[in-house]
Amino acid sequence: MDTINPLKDQPHSIPLRKLLLWALYALLPIITFYHLLAFPFPQSKQSLVITTSSSTPSKEIGNASVEISCDYSNGNWIQDKLGPLYTKCNTIKEGQNCITHGRLDNDYLYWRWKPNNCQLPRFDPKKFLQLFKNKNLAFVGDSLARNQLESLLCMLSTFSPHDLVFSHGEENKFRKWHFPSHNVNISIYWSPFLVKGVEKSDKTYYNTLYLDSVDDKWANDLGQMDLVVFSIGHWYLHSAVYIYGDKVLGCHSCPGLNYTEVGFYDVYGKAFETTFKTIIDRRGSGKYTLDVIVTTFSPAHFEGEWDKYGACSKTKPYDAKEKEKLEWMDAEMRETSIKQVSIAKKEGREKYVRFEAVDVTKLAYLRPDGHPGPYMHPFPFANGIQERVQNDCVHWCLPGPIDTWNEILMQVMIKKMDMIVV
């Protein structure tokens, strides 16, 4: 018995191939319309993009693709013909004004930090001010916190003028500036331990730290802050006695005192622990977000005696391959702060406190050329080279490498605030 082919036995039937082709033609406009809805053509409006390597995952925010993560801490310094955003600025501390003080070599100004797996955009003062419009920023810590603050003020002043609206304390250790164009306030609080402390003096060669209590000179203003940047470390290397509650835990480098010698790494970590816990506890049920940034330890570059000619006389950065590992102390200080930030991240979420580290230790370690050195004083060699000359191999020339700290800070905050600045 023959099989029946319905298409063959019906001469007026349409071949199956043609039916499929027509169906495809009919669906094509629908597919195209859906694609235009889901993936519209790029807008002409400019958007901010934080770029990293192609392998880095990204997410869509507004009209921009913002990378989820970028490791700014590892990379290399590369030559940059553009140079700094500024060369003159009225907020530079006298001891860091290397150009005005007669530093003749200027190669240290023409380097940019290039992370290994992503890009670090140049600092944009307009976008920074837009990012923090109507907000209060505070830098809290030692003289390196002030160094970073003054760098930020200088970069922002290339776009918008600012007014000094408050100044108090010896050497203006407590100050506030206002940017009227965007209603942004930026303050500095001197607090080299973050916790309560009594600094050494002519009568006492050691510091005294109270590790269970924060320094109220900054903490009392915590409710007014939207962003606080902590930067401490070098004062923990000095002789000190450590107190917790009503007990003396011990001391560091304290000859003549009948106390147990203890290392300062754990004490440094305890200070961060007390600080972060206090911030979280004082938040109450506040709904606005407080951002807490820790700038990691910035290494010094003394070679030999601090008051000898050539104590930090390098004129170019180290290559990353030349200095693959940090010095032990620098690495420990860095790890201690990052560990405490990691713990605080988890504990702060319910209280709308976001913690992050701006990890600058490695990139700072590679810049022995960026310090004032003898140019902490004006024209130190006007009368010829002397064997003994004071050197600053801790702080940074302005402009100089520390401007990069604020470039990273800006990118970290853009990511955290999930917003586009146009």
Protein backbone atom coordinates (compact mmCIF):
# COMPACT_ATOMS: atom_id res chain seq x y z
CA MET A 1 0.00 0.00 0.00
CA ASP A 2 1.39 3.36 -1.08
CA THR A 3 2.04 6.00 1.58
CA ILE A 4 0.14 9.21 1.21
CA ASN A 5 2.10 12.53 1.03
CA PRO A 6 -0.48 15.24 1.68
CA LEU A 7 1.66 17.95 0.04
CA LYS A 8 2.29 15.84 -3.03
CA ASP A 9 -1.34 14.86 -3.42
CA GLN A 10 -2.52 18.48 -3.17
CA PRO A 11 -1.13 20.45 -6.12
CA HIS A 12 -2.19 23.82 -4.66
CA SER A 13 -0.31 23.39 -1.32
CA ILE A 14 2.59 25.73 -0.44
CA PRO A 15 6.04 24.09 -0.04
CA LEU A 16 7.26 23.87 3.61
CA ARG A 17 10.51 25.73 2.80
CA LYS A 18 8.58 28.77 1.59
CA LEU A 19 6.34 28.77 4.67
CA LEU A 20 9.39 28.87 6.96
CA LEU A 21 11.01 31.67 4.93
CA TRP A 22 7.84 33.80 5.05
CA ALA A 23 7.57 33.26 8.81
CA LEU A 24 11.16 34.49 9.23
CA TYR A 25 10.42 37.64 7.16
CA ALA A 26 7.36 38.31 9.32
CA LEU A 27 9.31 38.00 12.59
CA LEU A 28 12.29 40.11 11.50
CA PRO A 29 10.68 43.56 12.09
CA ILE A 30 9.45 42.41 15.52
CA ILE A 31 12.95 41.23 16.50
CA THR A 32 14.50 44.49 15.29
CA PHE A 33 11.98 46.61 17.22
CA TYR A 34 12.62 44.63 20.44
CA HIS A 35 16.38 45.01 20.01
CA LEU A 36 16.06 48.79 19.71
CA LEU A 37 14.02 48.91 22.90
CA ALA A 38 16.43 46.76 24.87
CA PHE A 39 19.67 48.16 23.41
CA PRO A 40 19.18 51.75 22.25
CA PHE A 41 21.77 53.59 20.23
CA PRO A 42 24.40 55.42 22.38
CA GLN A 43 23.34 58.85 23.48
CA SER A 44 25.36 61.88 22.49
CA LYS A 45 25.47 62.90 26.14
CA GLN A 46 28.90 62.25 27.65
CA SER A 47 29.04 59.75 30.49
CA LEU A 48 31.72 58.80 32.98
CA VAL A 49 33.30 55.40 32.54
CA ILE A 50 35.70 53.74 34.95
CA THR A 51 37.70 51.51 32.62
CA THR A 52 39.53 48.34 33.49
CA SER A 53 40.67 45.30 31.58
CA SER A 54 38.19 43.54 29.32
CA SER A 55 38.05 40.59 31.68
CA THR A 56 36.69 42.75 34.53
CA PRO A 57 32.91 42.40 35.04
CA SER A 58 30.84 45.56 34.76
CA LYS A 59 27.33 46.78 35.49
CA GLU A 60 25.14 49.39 33.84
CA ILE A 61 24.47 52.61 35.76
CA GLY A 62 22.57 55.25 33.84
CA ASN A 63 24.28 55.57 30.46
CA ALA A 64 27.67 54.34 31.64
CA SER A 65 29.38 51.04 32.22
CA VAL A 66 31.07 51.25 35.62
CA GLU A 67 33.52 48.53 36.50
CA ILE A 68 32.72 46.57 39.64
CA SER A 69 36.32 46.33 40.78
CA CYS A 70 39.75 47.65 39.99
CA ASP A 71 42.90 46.89 41.94
CA TYR A 72 44.58 50.29 42.09
CA SER A 73 47.21 49.08 44.57
CA ASN A 74 49.44 47.16 42.14
CA GLY A 75 50.98 48.65 39.05
CA ASN A 76 53.85 50.83 37.92
CA TRP A 77 54.71 54.49 37.49
CA ILE A 78 54.88 55.49 33.84
CA GLN A 79 56.12 58.72 32.31
CA ASP A 80 53.46 61.34 31.62
CA LYS A 81 54.03 64.40 29.45
CA LEU A 82 50.97 66.22 30.79
CA GLY A 83 52.34 66.75 34.27
CA PRO A 84 50.36 67.99 37.31
CA LEU A 85 47.06 69.88 37.34
CA TYR A 86 48.67 72.73 39.28
CA THR A 87 52.09 74.18 40.05
CA LYS A 88 51.08 77.00 42.41
CA CYS A 89 48.58 76.85 45.24
CA ASN A 90 48.08 79.01 48.33
CA THR A 91 47.17 76.09 50.62
CA ILE A 92 50.47 74.21 50.28
CA LYS A 93 52.27 73.89 53.60
CA GLU A 94 55.59 75.71 53.48
CA GLY A 95 57.65 72.56 53.96
CA GLN A 96 56.11 70.76 50.97
CA ASN A 97 56.35 73.62 48.46
CA CYS A 98 59.31 72.10 46.62
CA ILE A 99 59.08 74.21 43.45
CA THR A 100 59.00 77.51 45.34
CA HIS A 101 61.83 76.31 47.58
CA GLY A 102 64.13 75.91 44.62
CA ARG A 103 64.09 72.22 43.75
CA LEU A 104 65.75 72.27 40.33
CA ASP A 105 64.92 68.81 38.98
CA ASN A 106 61.30 68.53 37.90
CA ASP A 107 61.17 65.01 36.46
CA TYR A 108 59.29 63.85 39.57
CA LEU A 109 56.28 65.84 38.30
CA TYR A 110 55.90 63.82 35.10
CA TRP A 111 54.87 60.36 36.22
CA ARG A 112 51.46 58.73 36.40
CA TRP A 113 50.35 55.61 38.24
CA LYS A 114 49.23 52.82 35.89
CA PRO A 115 47.46 49.92 37.64
CA ASN A 116 48.23 46.51 36.18
CA ASN A 117 44.72 45.58 35.03
CA CYS A 118 42.82 48.81 34.61
CA GLN A 119 43.10 52.54 34.01
CA LEU A 120 43.22 55.33 36.57
CA PRO A 121 41.55 58.44 35.08
CA ARG A 122 43.10 61.85 35.67
CA PHE A 123 41.55 63.83 38.47
CA ASP A 124 38.57 65.92 37.37
CA PRO A 125 37.90 68.71 39.89
CA LYS A 126 34.53 69.62 38.41
CA LYS A 127 33.23 66.07 38.68
CA PHE A 128 34.62 65.69 42.19
CA LEU A 129 32.72 68.76 43.37
CA GLN A 130 29.57 67.53 41.67
CA LEU A 131 29.99 64.18 43.35
CA PHE A 132 30.09 65.81 46.79
CA LYS A 133 27.67 68.67 46.22
CA ASN A 134 26.08 69.82 49.51
CA LYS A 135 28.29 67.44 51.50
CA ASN A 136 30.89 67.65 54.27
CA LEU A 137 34.26 65.92 53.90
CA ALA A 138 36.76 65.50 56.71
CA PHE A 139 40.39 64.39 56.77
CA VAL A 140 41.44 63.07 60.17
CA GLY A 141 44.90 61.99 61.23
CA ASP A 142 48.50 63.13 61.27
CA SER A 143 50.53 65.39 58.99
CA LEU A 144 50.12 62.97 56.06
CA ALA A 145 46.36 63.41 56.33
CA ARG A 146 47.00 67.15 56.05
CA ASN A 147 49.36 66.50 53.12
CA GLN A 148 46.60 64.63 51.25
CA LEU A 149 44.01 67.26 52.14
CA GLU A 150 46.17 70.09 50.81
CA SER A 151 46.75 68.13 47.61
CA LEU A 152 42.97 67.83 47.16
CA LEU A 153 42.41 71.53 47.82
CA CYS A 154 45.03 72.46 45.25
CA MET A 155 43.51 70.23 42.56
CA LEU A 156 39.98 71.47 43.26
CA SER A 157 41.12 75.11 43.18
CA THR A 158 42.03 74.73 39.50
CA PHE A 159 38.29 74.68 38.82
CA SER A 160 36.62 76.51 41.70
CA PRO A 161 37.85 78.96 44.36
CA HIS A 162 37.42 78.16 48.05
CA ASP A 163 37.26 80.15 51.28
CA LEU A 164 38.94 79.34 54.58
CA VAL A 165 36.01 79.60 57.00
CA PHE A 166 37.53 78.17 60.20
CA SER A 167 41.02 77.92 61.68
CA HIS A 168 41.99 76.89 65.19
CA GLY A 169 44.86 75.43 67.13
CA GLU A 170 48.62 75.49 66.97
CA GLU A 171 49.91 75.39 63.38
CA ASN A 172 46.27 75.56 62.17
CA LYS A 173 45.67 71.92 63.01
CA PHE A 174 41.89 72.34 62.73
CA ARG A 175 40.63 74.09 59.62
CA LYS A 176 37.64 74.14 57.29
CA TRP A 177 37.30 75.33 53.70
CA HIS A 178 34.08 76.05 51.80
CA PHE A 179 33.52 75.76 48.05
CA PRO A 180 30.51 78.04 47.44
CA SER A 181 30.06 76.88 43.83
CA HIS A 182 28.86 73.45 45.04
CA ASN A 183 28.33 74.05 48.77
CA VAL A 184 31.09 71.58 49.66
CA ASN A 185 32.92 71.77 52.99
CA ILE A 186 36.32 70.13 53.52
CA SER A 187 37.89 70.00 56.99
CA ILE A 188 41.10 68.80 58.62
CA TYR A 189 41.32 67.41 62.16
CA TRP A 190 44.66 66.79 63.82
CA SER A 191 44.45 63.40 65.54
CA PRO A 192 47.64 61.35 65.03
CA PHE A 193 46.32 58.33 66.98
CA LEU A 194 42.54 58.57 66.26
CA VAL A 195 42.07 57.43 69.86
CA LYS A 196 42.63 59.73 72.84
CA GLY A 197 46.26 60.50 73.43
CA VAL A 198 48.71 62.80 75.11
CA GLU A 199 51.55 63.75 72.83
CA LYS A 200 55.17 63.77 73.95
CA SER A 201 56.60 67.07 75.12
CA ASP A 202 59.74 68.66 76.52
CA LYS A 203 58.94 67.01 79.85
CA THR A 204 57.93 63.57 78.53
CA TYR A 205 59.70 61.70 75.76
CA TYR A 206 56.82 59.31 75.06
CA ASN A 207 53.21 59.51 73.90
CA THR A 208 50.37 58.12 76.01
CA LEU A 209 47.51 56.40 74.19
CA TYR A 210 44.10 55.48 75.63
CA LEU A 211 43.08 52.67 73.33
CA ASP A 212 39.49 52.26 74.56
CA SER A 213 38.35 55.82 73.73
CA VAL A 214 38.32 57.82 70.52
CA ASP A 215 39.61 61.37 70.24
CA ASP A 216 36.54 63.56 70.69
CA LYS A 217 38.15 66.46 68.87
CA TRP A 218 36.99 64.80 65.64
CA ALA A 219 34.42 62.32 66.92
CA ASN A 220 32.15 65.01 68.35
CA ASP A 221 31.60 66.29 64.79
CA LEU A 222 30.90 62.84 63.35
CA GLY A 223 27.21 63.61 62.85
CA GLN A 224 28.10 66.42 60.43
CA MET A 225 30.33 64.29 58.19
CA ASP A 226 29.36 62.58 54.93
CA LEU A 227 32.86 61.32 54.18
CA VAL A 228 35.75 60.90 56.60
CA VAL A 229 39.25 60.00 55.45
CA PHE A 230 41.62 58.59 58.07
CA SER A 231 45.37 58.67 57.58
CA ILE A 232 47.65 57.72 60.47
CA GLY A 233 50.67 55.57 61.18
CA HIS A 234 53.98 57.35 61.66
CA TRP A 235 53.22 58.53 65.20
CA TYR A 236 52.80 54.88 66.20
CA LEU A 237 56.50 54.35 65.56
CA HIS A 238 57.41 56.72 68.41
CA SER A 239 57.91 55.83 72.07
CA ALA A 240 54.56 55.35 73.77
CA VAL A 241 52.70 53.97 76.78
CA TYR A 242 49.46 52.10 76.04
CA ILE A 243 46.46 52.21 78.38
CA TYR A 244 43.17 50.32 78.04
CA GLY A 245 40.53 51.14 80.63
CA ASP A 246 42.33 51.41 83.95
CA LYS A 247 45.21 49.10 82.98
CA VAL A 248 48.57 49.79 81.41
CA LEU A 249 49.04 47.24 78.62
CA GLY A 250 52.71 48.03 78.12
CA CYS A 251 54.86 50.39 76.13
CA HIS A 252 56.98 50.71 73.02
CA SER A 253 60.61 51.84 73.16
CA CYS A 254 60.36 53.13 76.73
CA PRO A 255 63.68 52.78 78.54
CA GLY A 256 63.50 53.71 82.21
CA LEU A 257 59.83 52.78 82.55
CA ASN A 258 58.85 49.60 84.37
CA TYR A 259 56.39 48.45 81.69
CA THR A 260 56.28 45.42 79.43
CA GLU A 261 57.63 46.12 75.96
CA VAL A 262 54.94 45.45 73.34
CA GLY A 263 54.91 45.88 69.58
CA PHE A 264 52.97 48.70 67.97
CA TYR A 265 51.27 46.68 65.18
CA ASP A 266 48.56 45.26 67.44
CA VAL A 267 48.14 48.64 69.12
CA TYR A 268 47.73 50.26 65.70
CA GLY A 269 45.04 47.73 64.86
CA LYS A 270 43.32 48.24 68.20
CA ALA A 271 43.09 51.98 67.56
CA PHE A 272 41.27 51.32 64.28
CA GLU A 273 39.03 48.76 65.99
CA THR A 274 38.01 51.25 68.68
CA THR A 275 37.51 53.99 66.09
CA PHE A 276 35.33 51.89 63.78
CA LYS A 277 33.26 50.46 66.63
CA THR A 278 32.60 53.95 67.98
CA ILE A 279 31.53 55.21 64.55
CA ILE A 280 29.09 52.33 64.14
CA ASP A 281 27.72 52.63 67.69
CA ARG A 282 27.17 56.38 67.39
CA ARG A 283 25.29 56.04 64.14
CA GLY A 284 22.08 55.06 65.93
CA SER A 285 19.31 54.54 63.38
CA GLY A 286 20.42 57.26 60.98
CA LYS A 287 19.40 56.59 57.39
CA TYR A 288 21.91 58.71 55.52
CA THR A 289 25.11 56.96 54.44
CA LEU A 290 28.45 57.73 56.03
CA ASP A 291 31.54 56.77 54.05
CA VAL A 292 34.73 55.97 55.95
CA ILE A 293 37.98 55.74 54.01
CA VAL A 294 41.35 54.64 55.36
CA THR A 295 44.41 55.75 53.41
CA THR A 296 46.95 53.01 54.09
CA PHE A 297 50.44 53.58 55.48
CA SER A 298 52.78 55.70 53.37
CA PRO A 299 56.44 54.57 53.64
CA ALA A 300 59.34 56.92 54.31
CA HIS A 301 62.53 56.82 52.21
CA PHE A 302 65.39 57.83 54.47
CA GLU A 303 68.76 56.51 53.39
CA GLY A 304 71.12 56.86 56.31
CA GLU A 305 70.85 59.74 58.76
CA TRP A 306 67.92 62.11 58.40
CA ASP A 307 70.08 65.24 58.66
CA LYS A 308 72.79 64.20 56.23
CA TYR A 309 73.12 65.38 52.63
CA GLY A 310 71.52 62.87 50.25
CA ALA A 311 69.11 61.32 52.76
CA CYS A 312 66.49 60.99 50.00
CA SER A 313 68.09 62.19 46.79
CA LYS A 314 66.51 59.85 44.21
CA THR A 315 65.22 61.62 41.08
CA LYS A 316 62.98 58.94 39.57
CA PRO A 317 60.63 56.17 40.75
CA TYR A 318 61.62 52.59 41.38
CA ASP A 319 60.37 50.09 38.83
CA ALA A 320 57.85 47.63 40.30
CA LYS A 321 60.14 44.73 39.31
CA GLU A 322 63.00 46.41 41.14
CA LYS A 323 61.02 46.54 44.39
CA GLU A 324 58.62 43.61 44.30
CA LYS A 325 58.16 43.32 48.07
CA LEU A 326 57.44 45.95 50.67
CA GLU A 327 59.71 46.42 53.64
CA TRP A 328 58.51 44.37 56.63
CA MET A 329 57.23 47.27 58.72
CA ASP A 330 55.45 48.94 55.79
CA ALA A 331 53.76 45.65 54.89
CA GLU A 332 52.63 45.03 58.48
CA MET A 333 51.18 48.51 58.88
CA ARG A 334 49.33 48.15 55.59
CA GLU A 335 47.95 44.69 56.42
CA THR A 336 46.84 45.77 59.90
CA SER A 337 44.67 48.63 58.62
CA ILE A 338 43.22 46.63 55.72
CA LYS A 339 42.26 43.80 58.09
CA GLN A 340 40.37 46.19 60.34
CA VAL A 341 38.59 47.78 57.36
CA SER A 342 37.53 44.33 56.17
CA ILE A 343 36.00 43.51 59.57
CA ALA A 344 34.25 46.88 59.81
CA LYS A 345 32.72 46.49 56.33
CA LYS A 346 30.53 43.65 57.56
CA GLU A 347 29.60 45.29 60.85
CA GLY A 348 28.76 48.69 59.36
CA ARG A 349 26.19 47.64 56.76
CA GLU A 350 23.16 47.71 59.08
CA LYS A 351 24.06 51.21 60.27
CA TYR A 352 24.59 52.63 56.75
CA VAL A 353 28.34 53.01 57.26
CA ARG A 354 30.50 52.03 54.29
CA PHE A 355 34.17 51.32 54.96
CA GLU A 356 36.89 51.16 52.32
CA ALA A 357 40.69 51.30 52.13
CA VAL A 358 42.54 53.45 49.63
CA ASP A 359 45.59 51.23 49.39
CA VAL A 360 48.54 53.46 48.47
CA THR A 361 51.38 51.70 50.31
CA LYS A 362 52.94 49.98 47.30
CA LEU A 363 52.68 52.92 44.91
CA ALA A 364 54.08 55.27 47.60
CA TYR A 365 56.92 52.82 48.27
CA LEU A 366 57.98 53.14 44.63
CA ARG A 367 58.36 56.96 44.80
CA PRO A 368 61.57 57.83 46.70
CA ASP A 369 61.89 60.86 44.41
CA GLY A 370 58.69 62.56 45.54
CA HIS A 371 59.73 63.89 48.97
CA PRO A 372 60.85 67.44 49.79
CA GLY A 373 64.15 66.17 51.16
CA PRO A 374 66.33 69.25 51.86
CA TYR A 375 63.76 71.47 50.10
CA MET A 376 61.64 71.43 53.21
CA HIS A 377 63.48 74.73 53.66
CA PRO A 378 63.87 77.41 50.97
CA PHE A 379 67.01 77.16 48.84
CA PRO A 380 68.99 74.90 51.20
CA PHE A 381 72.14 75.04 49.05
CA ALA A 382 72.27 78.78 48.45
CA ASN A 383 75.58 78.87 50.32
CA GLY A 384 76.90 75.62 48.87
CA ILE A 385 76.37 71.99 49.82
CA GLN A 386 76.68 71.34 53.54
CA GLU A 387 77.36 67.93 55.05
CA ARG A 388 74.52 68.36 57.51
CA VAL A 389 71.13 69.45 56.25
CA GLN A 390 67.60 68.67 57.46
CA ASN A 391 65.61 66.34 55.20
CA ASP A 392 61.94 65.47 54.97
CA CYS A 393 61.69 62.00 53.44
CA VAL A 394 58.21 61.30 54.87
CA HIS A 395 55.87 63.92 53.43
CA TRP A 396 55.33 64.61 49.73
CA CYS A 397 56.05 67.56 47.48
CA LEU A 398 53.00 69.43 46.21
CA PRO A 399 52.37 68.89 43.42
CA GLY A 400 53.68 65.35 43.59
CA PRO A 401 52.86 61.65 43.98
CA ILE A 402 50.30 62.24 46.72
CA ASP A 403 47.96 63.79 44.14
CA THR A 404 47.43 60.21 42.98
CA TRP A 405 45.96 59.31 46.37
CA ASN A 406 43.06 61.62 45.59
CA GLU A 407 42.64 60.29 42.05
CA ILE A 408 42.10 56.85 43.57
CA LEU A 409 39.84 58.29 46.28
CA MET A 410 37.61 59.83 43.62
CA GLN A 411 37.27 56.57 41.69
CA VAL A 412 36.53 54.59 44.84
CA MET A 413 33.79 57.02 45.79
CA ILE A 414 32.24 57.03 42.30
CA LYS A 415 31.96 53.27 42.54
CA LYS A 416 30.50 53.42 46.05
CA MET A 417 27.97 56.12 45.32
CA ASP A 418 26.76 54.37 42.14
CA MET A 419 26.26 57.61 40.30
CA ILE A 420 27.22 59.28 37.03
CA VAL A 421 28.76 62.74 37.12
CA VAL A 422 28.42 64.67 33.86
